[in-house]
Amino acid sequence: MNNEQSQAPLHGVTLEMILTRLVEQHGWDELGRRITIKCFTDDPSIKSSLKFLRRTPWARKKVEELYLRTIKKTT
């Protein structure tokens, strides 16, 4: 089981790391265009976005999927 976890693409990557990378890569405007959620479009910040994403599984899933697509393109 440990080996399976270490091979998962998001293993060891925090939500804050994911969000920071996406903001650096795309910027808030593009992020809000790709994933239309208020915390990305109205006065966005890492702190407020993390709070929302931690409570909203469907939104977190979209962010994680975008992150995985983003890192695939850069590797």
C-alpha atoms as a PDB file:
ATOM      1  CA  MET A   1       0.000   0.000   0.000  1.00  0.00           C
ATOM      2  CA  ASN A   2       2.827   2.435   0.775  1.00  0.00           C
ATOM      3  CA  ASN A   3       4.304   1.894  -2.681  1.00  0.00           C
ATOM      4  CA  GLU A   4       0.926   2.614  -4.294  1.00  0.00           C
ATOM      5  CA  GLN A   5       0.585   5.887  -2.391  1.00  0.00           C
ATOM      6  CA  SER A   6       4.061   7.079  -3.343  1.00  0.00           C
ATOM      7  CA  GLN A   7       3.292   6.501  -7.033  1.00  0.00           C
ATOM      8  CA  ALA A   8       0.087   8.567  -6.939  1.00  0.00           C
ATOM      9  CA  PRO A   9       0.679  11.832  -8.849  1.00  0.00           C
ATOM     10  CA  LEU A  10      -0.588  14.021  -5.997  1.00  0.00           C
ATOM     11  CA  HIS A  11       1.173  12.126  -3.192  1.00  0.00           C
ATOM     12  CA  GLY A  12       3.038  14.585  -1.003  1.00  0.00           C
ATOM     13  CA  VAL A  13       1.641  17.637  -2.806  1.00  0.00           C
ATOM     14  CA  THR A  14      -0.469  19.937  -0.644  1.00  0.00           C
ATOM     15  CA  LEU A  15      -3.473  21.875  -1.873  1.00  0.00           C
ATOM     16  CA  GLU A  16      -1.576  25.078  -1.138  1.00  0.00           C
ATOM     17  CA  MET A  17       1.321  23.910  -3.327  1.00  0.00           C
ATOM     18  CA  ILE A  18      -1.106  23.057  -6.131  1.00  0.00           C
ATOM     19  CA  LEU A  19      -2.894  26.393  -5.949  1.00  0.00           C
ATOM     20  CA  THR A  20       0.334  28.395  -5.743  1.00  0.00           C
ATOM     21  CA  ARG A  21       1.721  26.619  -8.797  1.00  0.00           C
ATOM     22  CA  LEU A  22      -1.460  27.192 -10.788  1.00  0.00           C
ATOM     23  CA  VAL A  23      -1.536  30.895  -9.906  1.00  0.00           C
ATOM     24  CA  GLU A  24       2.133  31.253 -10.892  1.00  0.00           C
ATOM     25  CA  GLN A  25       1.564  29.364 -14.130  1.00  0.00           C
ATOM     26  CA  HIS A  26      -1.782  30.824 -15.215  1.00  0.00           C
ATOM     27  CA  GLY A  27      -2.583  33.850 -13.045  1.00  0.00           C
ATOM     28  CA  TRP A  28      -5.879  34.473 -11.266  1.00  0.00           C
ATOM     29  CA  ASP A  29      -7.694  35.723 -14.390  1.00  0.00           C
ATOM     30  CA  GLU A  30      -6.933  32.602 -16.406  1.00  0.00           C
ATOM     31  CA  LEU A  31      -7.598  30.353 -13.427  1.00  0.00           C
ATOM     32  CA  GLY A  32     -11.015  31.991 -12.982  1.00  0.00           C
ATOM     33  CA  ARG A  33     -11.728  31.537 -16.677  1.00  0.00           C
ATOM     34  CA  ARG A  34     -10.810  27.850 -16.621  1.00  0.00           C
ATOM     35  CA  ILE A  35     -12.570  27.069 -13.334  1.00  0.00           C
ATOM     36  CA  THR A  36     -15.431  29.455 -12.777  1.00  0.00           C
ATOM     37  CA  ILE A  37     -15.664  29.790  -9.021  1.00  0.00           C
ATOM     38  CA  LYS A  38     -16.095  33.036  -7.123  1.00  0.00           C
ATOM     39  CA  CYS A  39     -12.935  32.648  -5.032  1.00  0.00           C
ATOM     40  CA  PHE A  40     -10.912  32.824  -8.289  1.00  0.00           C
ATOM     41  CA  THR A  41     -12.829  35.687  -9.896  1.00  0.00           C
ATOM     42  CA  ASP A  42     -13.807  38.073  -7.077  1.00  0.00           C
ATOM     43  CA  ASP A  43     -10.886  39.461  -5.046  1.00  0.00           C
ATOM     44  CA  PRO A  44      -8.914  36.190  -5.182  1.00  0.00           C
ATOM     45  CA  SER A  45      -6.309  35.162  -2.638  1.00  0.00           C
ATOM     46  CA  ILE A  46      -4.562  31.934  -1.738  1.00  0.00           C
ATOM     47  CA  LYS A  47      -6.060  31.995   1.769  1.00  0.00           C
ATOM     48  CA  SER A  48      -9.697  32.465   0.717  1.00  0.00           C
ATOM     49  CA  SER A  49      -9.364  29.971  -2.123  1.00  0.00           C
ATOM     50  CA  LEU A  50      -7.868  27.317   0.158  1.00  0.00           C
ATOM     51  CA  LYS A  51     -10.713  27.785   2.631  1.00  0.00           C
ATOM     52  CA  PHE A  52     -13.302  27.284  -0.119  1.00  0.00           C
ATOM     53  CA  LEU A  53     -11.518  24.380  -1.811  1.00  0.00           C
ATOM     54  CA  ARG A  54     -11.070  22.471   1.442  1.00  0.00           C
ATOM     55  CA  ARG A  55     -14.847  22.596   2.021  1.00  0.00           C
ATOM     56  CA  THR A  56     -15.926  21.972  -1.576  1.00  0.00           C
ATOM     57  CA  PRO A  57     -14.882  18.580  -2.971  1.00  0.00           C
ATOM     58  CA  TRP A  58     -16.116  19.170  -6.556  1.00  0.00           C
ATOM     59  CA  ALA A  59     -14.106  22.395  -6.842  1.00  0.00           C
ATOM     60  CA  ARG A  60     -11.004  20.822  -5.320  1.00  0.00           C
ATOM     61  CA  LYS A  61     -11.268  17.988  -7.843  1.00  0.00           C
ATOM     62  CA  LYS A  62     -11.347  20.474 -10.740  1.00  0.00           C
ATOM     63  CA  VAL A  63      -8.270  22.261  -9.363  1.00  0.00           C
ATOM     64  CA  GLU A  64      -6.395  18.980  -8.918  1.00  0.00           C
ATOM     65  CA  GLU A  65      -7.301  17.895 -12.462  1.00  0.00           C
ATOM     66  CA  LEU A  66      -6.069  21.200 -13.900  1.00  0.00           C
ATOM     67  CA  TYR A  67      -2.853  20.860 -11.906  1.00  0.00           C
ATOM     68  CA  LEU A  68      -2.258  17.348 -13.265  1.00  0.00           C
ATOM     69  CA  ARG A  69      -2.833  18.561 -16.827  1.00  0.00           C
ATOM     70  CA  THR A  70      -0.490  21.503 -16.189  1.00  0.00           C
ATOM     71  CA  ILE A  71       2.379  19.418 -14.840  1.00  0.00           C
ATOM     72  CA  LYS A  72       2.010  16.925 -17.702  1.00  0.00           C
ATOM     73  CA  LYS A  73       2.556  19.740 -20.211  1.00  0.00           C
ATOM     74  CA  THR A  74       5.667  21.018 -18.439  1.00  0.00           C
ATOM     75  CA  THR A  75       7.382  17.644 -18.025  1.00  0.00           C
END
